[in-house]
Amino acid sequence: MTSSARPSRSQGSSVAELRLGHAVLATPQRKKAPDHRERAYAPRGLRRAAAADWVGMSPTKFDQLVAEGLMPRGRLVRGCRVWDRYELDIAFENLPDEDEAASVVPATSGWDSVS
């Protein structure tokens, strides 16, 4: 295969070009929606992966917490499930903390035996 017959991608254009000899096939590239971390402000509604990221966990762990009722189920809007970030914040604040079981203050105090 000669270098002129080898497919190559053009650099620096908004359209991906595949060069085969002298023919140029152009296909428009889809623009990826910006991540909520790349925006000036977070959107109110978040898709599953963004909702999981919002509360700092993997989508799989997020799904487990949704199934257990510890995270909201989100809203189904015309076939698209969307989570309200305000509801996610409230649910995150209400998550049980495993460290609360090992509290610094003992369950019974020394004053219980004093009459």
Foldseek 3Di string as FASTA:
>chain_A
DDPLQDWDFDPDDQWTWTHGNPDIDTDGDDDDDDQLVPDPHGDQKDAQQNLCVLLPHGSVVVVVCCVVVLAPPADQDVNGGIHGVVSSVVSSVPDDDPCVVVDPDDPDDPCVPPD
